Protein backbone atom coordinates (compact mmCIF):
# COMPACT_ATOMS: atom_id res chain seq x y z
CA MET A 1 129.54 59.58 61.15
CA PRO A 2 127.15 59.05 64.36
CA LYS A 3 124.56 61.79 65.38
CA VAL A 4 125.46 64.08 68.14
CA LYS A 5 122.46 65.58 70.08
CA PHE A 6 122.96 69.13 71.15
CA LEU A 7 120.67 71.22 72.92
CA PRO A 8 118.77 73.79 71.66
CA ALA A 9 120.88 76.56 69.88
CA ASP A 10 122.15 79.50 71.44
CA LYS A 11 122.50 82.86 70.03
CA MET A 12 125.92 82.83 68.56
CA VAL A 13 125.34 78.90 66.79
CA GLN A 14 121.81 80.85 65.45
CA THR A 15 123.91 83.74 63.86
CA LEU A 16 126.00 80.84 62.51
CA GLN A 17 123.07 79.47 60.60
CA LEU A 18 121.43 82.29 59.24
CA ALA A 19 125.00 83.31 57.95
CA ALA A 20 125.38 80.36 56.66
CA TYR A 21 121.82 79.94 55.01
CA ALA A 22 122.70 83.05 53.21
CA LEU A 23 125.68 81.97 52.06
CA LEU A 24 124.50 78.38 50.45
CA VAL A 25 122.13 80.88 48.43
CA ALA A 26 124.72 82.35 46.85
CA LEU A 27 126.89 78.97 46.70
CA GLY A 28 124.41 77.73 45.12
CA ILE A 29 123.61 80.31 42.45
CA LEU A 30 127.33 80.63 41.53
CA THR A 31 127.96 76.67 41.50
CA TYR A 32 125.29 76.42 39.07
CA ILE A 33 126.58 79.54 36.85
CA VAL A 34 130.57 78.90 36.87
CA THR A 35 129.99 74.94 36.28
CA PRO A 36 128.39 74.24 32.80
CA PRO A 37 127.43 71.05 31.85
CA GLN A 38 130.24 70.61 28.84
CA GLY A 39 132.95 69.18 30.72
CA THR A 40 131.70 67.40 33.34
CA MET A 41 130.83 63.52 33.40
CA TRP A 42 127.70 63.56 33.02
CA TYR A 43 128.29 64.90 29.15
CA TRP A 44 131.15 62.40 28.58
CA ILE A 45 128.57 59.89 29.80
CA PHE A 46 125.38 60.44 27.69
CA SER A 47 126.95 63.37 25.24
CA SER A 48 123.89 65.00 25.46
CA ALA A 49 123.70 68.81 27.14
CA GLY A 50 120.57 68.90 27.94
CA ILE A 51 120.76 65.21 30.05
CA ALA A 52 124.01 66.78 31.51
CA GLU A 53 122.43 69.98 32.87
CA LEU A 54 119.41 68.37 34.17
CA ILE A 55 121.85 66.42 36.38
CA GLN A 56 124.27 69.01 37.02
CA THR A 57 121.27 71.01 38.50
CA MET A 58 119.43 68.40 40.27
CA LEU A 59 122.88 67.78 41.93
CA VAL A 60 123.46 71.56 43.08
CA ALA A 61 120.03 71.82 44.19
CA THR A 62 120.38 68.77 46.42
CA SER A 63 123.62 70.17 47.24
CA VAL A 64 122.10 73.29 48.82
CA GLY A 65 119.01 70.72 50.11
CA ALA A 66 121.37 69.15 52.37
CA GLY A 67 123.20 71.94 53.29
CA PHE A 68 120.08 73.34 54.61
CA TRP A 69 119.09 70.92 56.42
CA GLY A 70 122.35 69.88 57.87
CA THR A 71 122.56 73.31 59.37
CA PHE A 72 118.91 73.47 60.27
CA ARG A 73 119.14 70.00 62.45
CA ARG A 74 123.35 70.54 62.84
CA ASP A 75 123.66 67.25 61.99
CA PRO A 76 127.69 66.93 59.80
CA ARG A 77 126.09 63.67 58.31
CA TRP A 78 124.08 65.78 55.93
CA LEU A 79 126.29 68.81 55.99
CA LEU A 80 129.24 65.94 54.83
CA THR A 81 127.04 65.19 52.40
CA SER A 82 126.51 68.54 51.19
CA TYR A 83 130.30 69.17 50.84
CA ILE A 84 130.82 66.06 48.83
CA LEU A 85 128.17 67.05 46.34
CA PHE A 86 129.31 70.54 46.03
CA ILE A 87 132.90 69.20 44.97
CA VAL A 88 131.19 66.81 42.24
CA SER A 89 129.52 69.26 40.48
CA ALA A 90 132.43 71.21 39.94
CA LEU A 91 134.51 68.30 39.13
CA ARG A 92 135.70 68.96 35.63
CA PHE A 93 136.32 65.84 32.98
CA ALA A 94 138.11 68.18 30.22
CA SER A 95 140.18 70.71 30.50
CA SER A 96 138.46 73.84 29.43
CA LYS A 97 138.95 77.79 29.94
CA VAL A 98 136.65 78.95 32.49
CA SER A 99 133.01 79.79 30.96
CA LEU A 100 129.63 79.71 32.53
CA SER A 101 126.23 77.50 31.70
CA ASN A 102 124.01 80.56 32.19
CA ASP A 103 125.38 84.64 30.85
CA TRP A 104 122.83 86.86 31.74
CA PHE A 105 125.17 89.77 32.28
CA GLY A 106 127.17 89.07 29.42
CA PHE A 107 130.53 88.54 31.72
CA ALA A 108 131.71 85.65 29.15
CA ASP A 109 132.75 88.66 27.59
CA SER A 110 135.33 90.07 30.30
CA PRO A 111 138.14 87.76 31.00
CA THR A 112 137.98 89.99 34.41
CA MET A 113 134.78 89.42 36.06
CA LEU A 114 134.77 85.65 34.75
CA THR A 115 138.08 86.04 37.61
CA ILE A 116 135.64 87.48 40.21
CA LEU A 117 133.10 85.23 39.87
CA VAL A 118 135.28 82.23 40.07
CA VAL A 119 136.98 84.09 43.16
CA MET A 120 134.01 84.70 44.71
CA TYR A 121 133.18 81.07 44.13
CA ALA A 122 136.06 79.99 45.91
CA VAL A 123 135.89 82.46 49.24
CA ILE A 124 131.95 81.49 49.60
CA LEU A 125 132.75 78.16 48.82
CA VAL A 126 135.36 78.26 51.88
CA MET A 127 133.36 80.59 53.94
CA TYR A 128 130.47 77.90 53.57
CA PHE A 129 132.68 75.57 55.26
CA GLU A 130 134.19 77.11 57.74
CA LEU A 131 130.33 78.42 59.04
CA THR A 132 128.56 75.17 59.26
CA ASN A 133 131.77 73.59 61.04
CA GLY A 134 131.53 76.38 63.25
CA VAL A 135 127.90 75.49 63.66
CA ILE A 136 128.57 72.23 65.11
CA ARG A 137 131.88 72.98 66.92
CA PHE A 138 130.02 75.92 68.81
CA SER A 139 127.27 73.46 69.46
CA MET A 140 128.98 70.63 70.81
CA LEU A 141 131.37 73.36 72.45
CA ASP A 142 128.01 74.83 74.57
CA THR A 143 126.40 71.53 75.03
CA SER A 144 129.52 69.97 77.19
CA ILE A 145 129.74 73.69 78.96
CA ARG A 146 125.87 73.63 80.19
CA THR A 147 126.02 69.82 80.73
CA ASN A 148 128.98 70.61 82.60
CA GLU A 149 131.06 68.55 80.61
CA VAL A 150 133.54 71.04 80.84
CA TYR A 151 135.02 74.02 81.68
CA VAL A 152 135.92 76.52 79.67
CA MET A 153 137.89 79.69 81.55
CA ASN A 154 137.89 81.95 78.33
CA VAL A 155 135.45 81.27 75.89
CA LYS A 156 136.10 84.52 74.19
CA ARG A 157 139.28 83.47 73.39
CA VAL A 158 138.00 80.64 71.65
CA ILE A 159 135.62 82.31 69.82
CA GLY A 160 138.29 84.86 68.81
CA LYS A 161 140.51 82.54 67.57
CA TYR A 162 137.66 81.00 65.43
CA HIS A 163 136.55 84.58 63.93
CA ARG A 164 140.21 84.72 62.79
CA SER A 165 140.29 81.30 60.83
CA LEU A 166 136.87 82.35 59.40
CA LEU A 167 138.89 85.77 57.79
CA MET A 168 141.63 84.32 56.89
CA ASN A 169 140.79 80.81 55.41
CA PRO A 170 138.56 82.63 52.77
CA LEU A 171 141.46 85.48 52.11
CA ILE A 172 143.98 82.33 51.39
CA ALA A 173 140.93 80.54 49.00
CA GLY A 174 140.07 84.32 47.28
CA GLY A 175 143.75 85.06 46.95
CA LEU A 176 144.76 81.39 45.32
CA ALA A 177 142.11 81.63 43.05
CA PHE A 178 143.01 85.23 41.41
CA LEU A 179 146.55 84.14 41.17
CA VAL A 180 145.98 80.98 39.24
CA LEU A 181 143.36 82.81 37.12
CA SER A 182 145.91 85.08 36.43
CA VAL A 183 149.23 82.97 36.30
CA ASN A 184 149.27 83.65 32.11
CA MET A 185 149.06 87.45 32.59
CA ILE A 186 152.07 86.91 35.64
CA LEU A 187 154.09 84.15 34.20
CA PRO A 188 155.18 85.86 31.22
CA ILE A 189 156.60 88.83 32.86
CA PHE A 190 159.06 86.42 33.97
CA VAL A 191 159.16 84.53 31.03
CA ARG A 192 159.92 87.13 28.65
CA PRO A 193 163.45 88.71 29.36
CA PHE A 194 164.78 84.89 28.62
CA SER A 195 161.98 83.99 25.76
CA ALA A 196 159.34 86.41 23.76
CA GLU A 197 157.53 83.21 21.78
CA THR A 198 157.47 81.33 25.01
CA ALA A 199 155.71 84.30 26.87
CA MET A 200 153.45 84.80 24.06
CA ARG A 201 152.07 80.60 24.70
CA MET A 202 151.99 81.68 28.03
CA GLU A 203 149.26 84.62 27.76
CA ASP A 204 147.49 82.13 25.17
CA SER A 205 147.42 79.23 27.19
CA VAL A 206 144.12 77.38 27.77
CA GLU A 207 145.38 75.07 30.58
CA LEU A 208 147.20 77.70 32.96
CA ILE A 209 143.74 79.32 33.65
CA SER A 210 141.81 75.79 33.31
CA VAL A 211 139.48 74.70 36.13
CA TYR A 212 142.10 72.04 37.00
CA GLY A 213 144.47 74.83 37.91
CA VAL A 214 141.96 76.07 40.09
CA ALA A 215 141.21 72.85 41.83
CA LEU A 216 144.81 71.64 42.42
CA GLY A 217 145.87 74.85 43.77
CA SER A 218 143.03 74.56 46.08
CA LEU A 219 144.23 70.86 46.87
CA ILE A 220 147.68 72.27 47.53
CA VAL A 221 146.93 74.89 50.21
CA PHE A 222 144.62 72.59 52.39
CA LEU A 223 147.17 70.10 52.09
CA VAL A 224 149.82 72.64 53.63
CA VAL A 225 147.24 73.95 56.27
CA GLY A 226 146.55 70.43 57.25
CA ALA A 227 150.26 69.93 57.72
CA VAL A 228 150.70 72.85 59.74
CA PHE A 229 148.00 72.02 61.94
CA ALA A 230 149.46 67.96 62.06
CA ALA A 231 152.56 69.39 63.26
CA ASN A 232 151.12 71.77 65.70
CA ILE A 233 152.16 74.68 64.72
CA PRO A 234 149.58 77.52 65.62
CA LEU A 235 149.98 75.87 69.35
CA ARG A 236 153.99 76.07 68.84
CA ILE A 237 153.55 79.85 67.75
CA GLU A 238 151.18 81.02 70.90
CA ARG A 239 154.02 79.31 73.45
CA TRP A 240 156.20 81.25 71.78
CA ARG A 241 154.62 84.37 71.69
CA GLU A 242 153.47 83.29 75.97
CA ASN A 243 157.02 82.85 76.77
CA LYS A 244 158.21 86.00 74.88
CA GLU A 245 155.40 88.22 76.87
């Protein structure tokens, strides 16, 4: 991925950068809380909670540092490094229920609070991706306009589309995480009329609300969204609406 040179950031890009910094701090804290060292690759390799926690902490700190530097310098290479490190830090190599590395407020005893924390993590992670991508995209757009490489007739319309995606993608991620973490309460409702015993086993199932479930569900959502844009469906819908008007 080559380094891209931009002109000094305009007000919108600066606003996106400030928002990305705030989200990055929150994401780093939440990632550290909801990804305990137990179940990580480091714990499996070294069989030591202390070493695994040290590596996991360094990984999260490096993710945050790379994100800060990439956002400040508007360098997609550092941002890509931050994305990869955040994803690696969340990988689990042992199926387990959602747990916390540090339970400062006693949230581990409340399934509802655990669900809220993971939903917040999913939403903030997606918003971080969106905002930092927005920093790069609008820097490219602003540089192209100011250097007369391109002429954009309706910049506000472009910004409006970005604002809609900034709202929809986190909502999708949060809704998905909530559904996955609540699936052991939702599925038994439909299964109970056929088998009360199976419904009871589902309610107590660990795998249904494991971190793997959230990861798999997130992958499916991103694949669906990617397929929609690959088929250029948003443009087709927009043209259909314009023709209808």
